[in-house]
Amino acid sequence: MNPSVSIIVPVYNARKTIARCIESIINQEFQDFELLLVEDGSTRRCDEVAREYADRLTIRYFYKENSGR
């Protein structure tokens, strides 16, 4: 499967809003996309929410230590 659109969502310190954001994206009529969640060293444990969605759906989750850039 090669999706026609890649949606990249930064997850840095977005614990209160990330679930709503993901739900909004996956509930769209247009479904030919891949969803990439990218966390850059968040301090608010957003990874728990992002990983939960990534485990249930075809969502790719990436984590890297904050590089300060």
Protein backbone atom coordinates (compact mmCIF):
# COMPACT_ATOMS: atom_id res chain seq x y z
CA MET A 1 0.00 0.00 0.00
CA ASN A 2 1.41 3.37 -1.04
CA PRO A 3 -0.71 6.18 0.36
CA SER A 4 -1.07 9.31 -1.72
CA VAL A 5 -0.70 11.64 1.28
CA SER A 6 1.56 11.60 4.36
CA ILE A 7 0.29 13.47 7.40
CA ILE A 8 3.01 14.31 9.89
CA VAL A 9 1.89 15.39 13.35
CA PRO A 10 4.36 16.74 15.92
CA VAL A 11 3.54 15.36 19.35
CA TYR A 12 5.73 17.59 21.53
CA ASN A 13 3.92 18.34 24.82
CA ALA A 14 0.47 17.87 23.31
CA ARG A 15 -0.97 15.38 25.78
CA LYS A 16 -4.27 17.29 26.17
CA THR A 17 -4.90 17.63 22.43
CA ILE A 18 -3.18 14.74 20.65
CA ALA A 19 -6.08 12.27 20.97
CA ARG A 20 -8.53 14.81 19.53
CA CYS A 21 -6.11 15.57 16.70
CA ILE A 22 -5.64 11.89 15.81
CA GLU A 23 -9.39 11.21 15.97
CA SER A 24 -10.06 14.15 13.67
CA ILE A 25 -7.59 12.85 11.10
CA ILE A 26 -8.67 9.21 11.11
CA ASN A 27 -12.38 10.11 10.88
CA GLN A 28 -12.03 12.01 7.61
CA GLU A 29 -13.76 10.71 4.49
CA PHE A 30 -10.45 10.71 2.62
CA GLN A 31 -8.60 7.57 3.71
CA ASP A 32 -5.65 7.27 1.31
CA PHE A 33 -3.07 8.58 3.78
CA GLU A 34 -0.46 7.50 6.25
CA LEU A 35 -0.30 9.12 9.67
CA LEU A 36 3.12 9.71 11.20
CA LEU A 37 3.35 10.85 14.81
CA VAL A 38 6.72 12.37 15.68
CA GLU A 39 7.70 13.11 19.26
CA ASP A 40 10.84 15.09 20.00
CA GLY A 41 11.55 14.50 23.66
CA SER A 42 8.24 15.63 25.11
CA THR A 43 8.16 16.13 28.87
CA ARG A 44 4.42 15.55 29.34
CA ARG A 45 4.19 11.81 28.62
CA CYS A 46 2.47 12.23 25.26
CA ASP A 47 4.06 8.98 24.15
CA GLU A 48 1.45 6.95 26.07
CA VAL A 49 -1.42 8.39 24.04
CA ALA A 50 0.47 8.26 20.74
CA ARG A 51 1.59 4.65 21.27
CA GLU A 52 -1.93 3.56 22.18
CA TYR A 53 -3.23 4.81 18.84
CA ALA A 54 -0.23 3.43 16.96
CA ASP A 55 -0.85 -0.03 18.46
CA ARG A 56 -4.53 -0.05 17.46
CA LEU A 57 -4.35 1.57 14.04
CA THR A 58 -2.02 1.80 11.09
CA ILE A 59 -0.15 4.76 12.47
CA ARG A 60 3.60 5.06 12.67
CA TYR A 61 5.08 6.55 15.83
CA PHE A 62 8.60 7.95 16.02
CA TYR A 63 10.42 9.10 19.14
CA LYS A 64 13.75 10.84 19.39
CA GLU A 65 15.51 12.60 22.22
CA ASN A 66 15.17 16.37 22.12
CA SER A 67 18.11 17.80 20.25
CA GLY A 68 17.32 21.42 21.08
CA ARG A 69 16.72 22.34 17.46
